[in-house]
Amino acid sequence: TDINGGIQTGSALLSDYLSSKDESHHNSVSLIIFLTDGRPTVGVVQSPVIVGNTKAAVQEKFCLFTIGMGDDVDYKLLERMSLENCGTMRRIPEDADANVMLKG
């Protein structure tokens, strides 16, 4: 799982969109919802580096919400990434009904 790469790509796409967007849509909310079922195993794998890279990529331009599904997820990493970027983390255990847990 390349968590750092996913966040960098998503942040770059959203940043590009926001910089080219017509200002008439100023009432919209910009955010990233990052969904993973794994730990960082590809690319950057050190949690403190991922958290720093995420903060640098987001630059307080939008919020980051994370969802971890399953039992092999670094929930502490996802929580730090979200909390440091005005978002929240949602944990969905392996045996849970994701549909029910994502409501609200």
C-alpha atoms as a PDB file:
ATOM      1  CA  THR A   1       0.000   0.000   0.000  1.00  0.00           C
ATOM      2  CA  ASP A   2       1.516   3.333  -1.076  1.00  0.00           C
ATOM      3  CA  ILE A   3      -0.247   5.667   1.359  1.00  0.00           C
ATOM      4  CA  ASN A   4       2.164   8.545   0.812  1.00  0.00           C
ATOM      5  CA  GLY A   5       1.920   8.269  -2.984  1.00  0.00           C
ATOM      6  CA  GLY A   6      -1.873   8.174  -2.881  1.00  0.00           C
ATOM      7  CA  ILE A   7      -2.087  11.259  -0.699  1.00  0.00           C
ATOM      8  CA  GLN A   8       0.466  13.128  -2.836  1.00  0.00           C
ATOM      9  CA  THR A   9      -1.410  12.314  -6.052  1.00  0.00           C
ATOM     10  CA  GLY A  10      -4.823  13.173  -4.613  1.00  0.00           C
ATOM     11  CA  SER A  11      -3.552  16.417  -3.101  1.00  0.00           C
ATOM     12  CA  ALA A  12      -1.900  17.466  -6.360  1.00  0.00           C
ATOM     13  CA  LEU A  13      -5.069  16.754  -8.364  1.00  0.00           C
ATOM     14  CA  LEU A  14      -7.278  18.672  -5.933  1.00  0.00           C
ATOM     15  CA  SER A  15      -4.817  21.569  -5.681  1.00  0.00           C
ATOM     16  CA  ASP A  16      -4.649  21.836  -9.480  1.00  0.00           C
ATOM     17  CA  TYR A  17      -8.431  21.770  -9.677  1.00  0.00           C
ATOM     18  CA  LEU A  18      -8.791  24.459  -6.998  1.00  0.00           C
ATOM     19  CA  SER A  19      -6.248  26.735  -8.677  1.00  0.00           C
ATOM     20  CA  SER A  20      -8.013  26.493 -12.052  1.00  0.00           C
ATOM     21  CA  LYS A  21     -11.566  26.597 -10.694  1.00  0.00           C
ATOM     22  CA  ASP A  22     -13.940  29.445 -11.381  1.00  0.00           C
ATOM     23  CA  GLU A  23     -14.408  31.488  -8.204  1.00  0.00           C
ATOM     24  CA  SER A  24     -18.195  31.402  -8.630  1.00  0.00           C
ATOM     25  CA  HIS A  25     -18.238  28.072  -6.766  1.00  0.00           C
ATOM     26  CA  HIS A  26     -16.873  29.553  -3.536  1.00  0.00           C
ATOM     27  CA  ASN A  27     -19.595  27.873  -1.417  1.00  0.00           C
ATOM     28  CA  SER A  28     -18.268  24.376  -2.130  1.00  0.00           C
ATOM     29  CA  VAL A  29     -16.205  22.313   0.305  1.00  0.00           C
ATOM     30  CA  SER A  30     -12.925  20.770  -0.805  1.00  0.00           C
ATOM     31  CA  LEU A  31     -11.776  17.579   0.854  1.00  0.00           C
ATOM     32  CA  ILE A  32     -10.075  14.265   0.272  1.00  0.00           C
ATOM     33  CA  ILE A  33     -11.459  10.988   1.544  1.00  0.00           C
ATOM     34  CA  PHE A  34      -8.630   8.466   1.697  1.00  0.00           C
ATOM     35  CA  LEU A  35      -9.652   4.803   1.956  1.00  0.00           C
ATOM     36  CA  THR A  36      -7.158   2.022   2.702  1.00  0.00           C
ATOM     37  CA  ASP A  37      -7.105  -1.586   3.805  1.00  0.00           C
ATOM     38  CA  GLY A  38      -3.399  -1.753   4.574  1.00  0.00           C
ATOM     39  CA  ARG A  39      -0.284  -0.338   6.137  1.00  0.00           C
ATOM     40  CA  PRO A  40       2.368   1.659   4.269  1.00  0.00           C
ATOM     41  CA  THR A  41       4.510  -0.972   2.554  1.00  0.00           C
ATOM     42  CA  VAL A  42       5.532   0.729  -0.721  1.00  0.00           C
ATOM     43  CA  GLY A  43       7.337   4.016  -1.281  1.00  0.00           C
ATOM     44  CA  VAL A  44       7.623   6.051   1.920  1.00  0.00           C
ATOM     45  CA  VAL A  45       6.812   3.756   4.845  1.00  0.00           C
ATOM     46  CA  GLN A  46       7.872   5.801   7.890  1.00  0.00           C
ATOM     47  CA  SER A  47       4.781   7.224   9.630  1.00  0.00           C
ATOM     48  CA  PRO A  48       6.348  10.545  10.733  1.00  0.00           C
ATOM     49  CA  VAL A  49       7.533  11.223   7.174  1.00  0.00           C
ATOM     50  CA  ILE A  50       4.097  10.392   5.748  1.00  0.00           C
ATOM     51  CA  VAL A  51       2.422  12.740   8.250  1.00  0.00           C
ATOM     52  CA  GLY A  52       4.828  15.555   7.357  1.00  0.00           C
ATOM     53  CA  ASN A  53       4.480  14.975   3.623  1.00  0.00           C
ATOM     54  CA  THR A  54       0.701  14.960   3.977  1.00  0.00           C
ATOM     55  CA  LYS A  55       0.663  18.274   5.842  1.00  0.00           C
ATOM     56  CA  ALA A  56       2.963  19.805   3.224  1.00  0.00           C
ATOM     57  CA  ALA A  57       0.774  18.538   0.370  1.00  0.00           C
ATOM     58  CA  VAL A  58      -2.530  19.654   1.883  1.00  0.00           C
ATOM     59  CA  GLN A  59      -1.190  23.108   2.907  1.00  0.00           C
ATOM     60  CA  GLU A  60      -4.435  23.875   4.781  1.00  0.00           C
ATOM     61  CA  LYS A  61      -6.214  24.215   1.417  1.00  0.00           C
ATOM     62  CA  PHE A  62      -8.632  21.355   2.134  1.00  0.00           C
ATOM     63  CA  CYS A  63      -9.408  18.710   4.737  1.00  0.00           C
ATOM     64  CA  LEU A  64      -8.351  15.077   4.777  1.00  0.00           C
ATOM     65  CA  PHE A  65     -10.665  12.345   6.022  1.00  0.00           C
ATOM     66  CA  THR A  66      -9.367   8.788   6.290  1.00  0.00           C
ATOM     67  CA  ILE A  67     -11.137   5.447   6.397  1.00  0.00           C
ATOM     68  CA  GLY A  68      -9.351   2.258   7.375  1.00  0.00           C
ATOM     69  CA  MET A  69     -11.009  -1.040   6.547  1.00  0.00           C
ATOM     70  CA  GLY A  70      -9.869  -4.279   8.104  1.00  0.00           C
ATOM     71  CA  ASP A  71      -7.498  -5.485  10.760  1.00  0.00           C
ATOM     72  CA  ASP A  72      -4.143  -4.783   9.073  1.00  0.00           C
ATOM     73  CA  VAL A  73      -4.358  -0.976   9.061  1.00  0.00           C
ATOM     74  CA  ASP A  74      -2.173   1.566  10.846  1.00  0.00           C
ATOM     75  CA  TYR A  75      -5.073   3.406  12.486  1.00  0.00           C
ATOM     76  CA  LYS A  76      -2.769   5.673  14.491  1.00  0.00           C
ATOM     77  CA  LEU A  77      -1.196   6.910  11.256  1.00  0.00           C
ATOM     78  CA  LEU A  78      -4.574   7.533   9.637  1.00  0.00           C
ATOM     79  CA  GLU A  79      -5.792   9.373  12.715  1.00  0.00           C
ATOM     80  CA  ARG A  80      -2.726  11.649  12.823  1.00  0.00           C
ATOM     81  CA  MET A  81      -3.010  12.365   9.103  1.00  0.00           C
ATOM     82  CA  SER A  82      -6.653  13.365   9.498  1.00  0.00           C
ATOM     83  CA  LEU A  83      -6.417  15.315  12.741  1.00  0.00           C
ATOM     84  CA  GLU A  84      -3.479  17.382  11.496  1.00  0.00           C
ATOM     85  CA  ASN A  85      -5.449  18.268   8.359  1.00  0.00           C
ATOM     86  CA  CYS A  86      -8.863  19.260   9.834  1.00  0.00           C
ATOM     87  CA  GLY A  87     -10.443  15.847   9.243  1.00  0.00           C
ATOM     88  CA  THR A  88     -11.395  12.705  11.102  1.00  0.00           C
ATOM     89  CA  MET A  89     -10.627   9.007  10.835  1.00  0.00           C
ATOM     90  CA  ARG A  90     -13.164   6.212  10.635  1.00  0.00           C
ATOM     91  CA  ARG A  91     -12.277   2.626  11.578  1.00  0.00           C
ATOM     92  CA  ILE A  92     -14.164  -0.229   9.931  1.00  0.00           C
ATOM     93  CA  PRO A  93     -13.267  -3.633  11.416  1.00  0.00           C
ATOM     94  CA  GLU A  94     -12.904  -6.676   9.177  1.00  0.00           C
ATOM     95  CA  ASP A  95     -16.197  -8.247  10.244  1.00  0.00           C
ATOM     96  CA  ALA A  96     -18.244  -5.011  10.292  1.00  0.00           C
ATOM     97  CA  ASP A  97     -20.946  -3.910   7.884  1.00  0.00           C
ATOM     98  CA  ALA A  98     -19.214  -1.005   6.111  1.00  0.00           C
ATOM     99  CA  ASN A  99     -22.512   0.319   4.794  1.00  0.00           C
ATOM    100  CA  VAL A 100     -23.829   0.810   8.334  1.00  0.00           C
ATOM    101  CA  MET A 101     -20.543   2.204   9.672  1.00  0.00           C
ATOM    102  CA  LEU A 102     -20.205   4.862   6.954  1.00  0.00           C
ATOM    103  CA  LYS A 103     -23.636   6.386   7.506  1.00  0.00           C
ATOM    104  CA  GLY A 104     -23.662   9.679   9.352  1.00  0.00           C
END
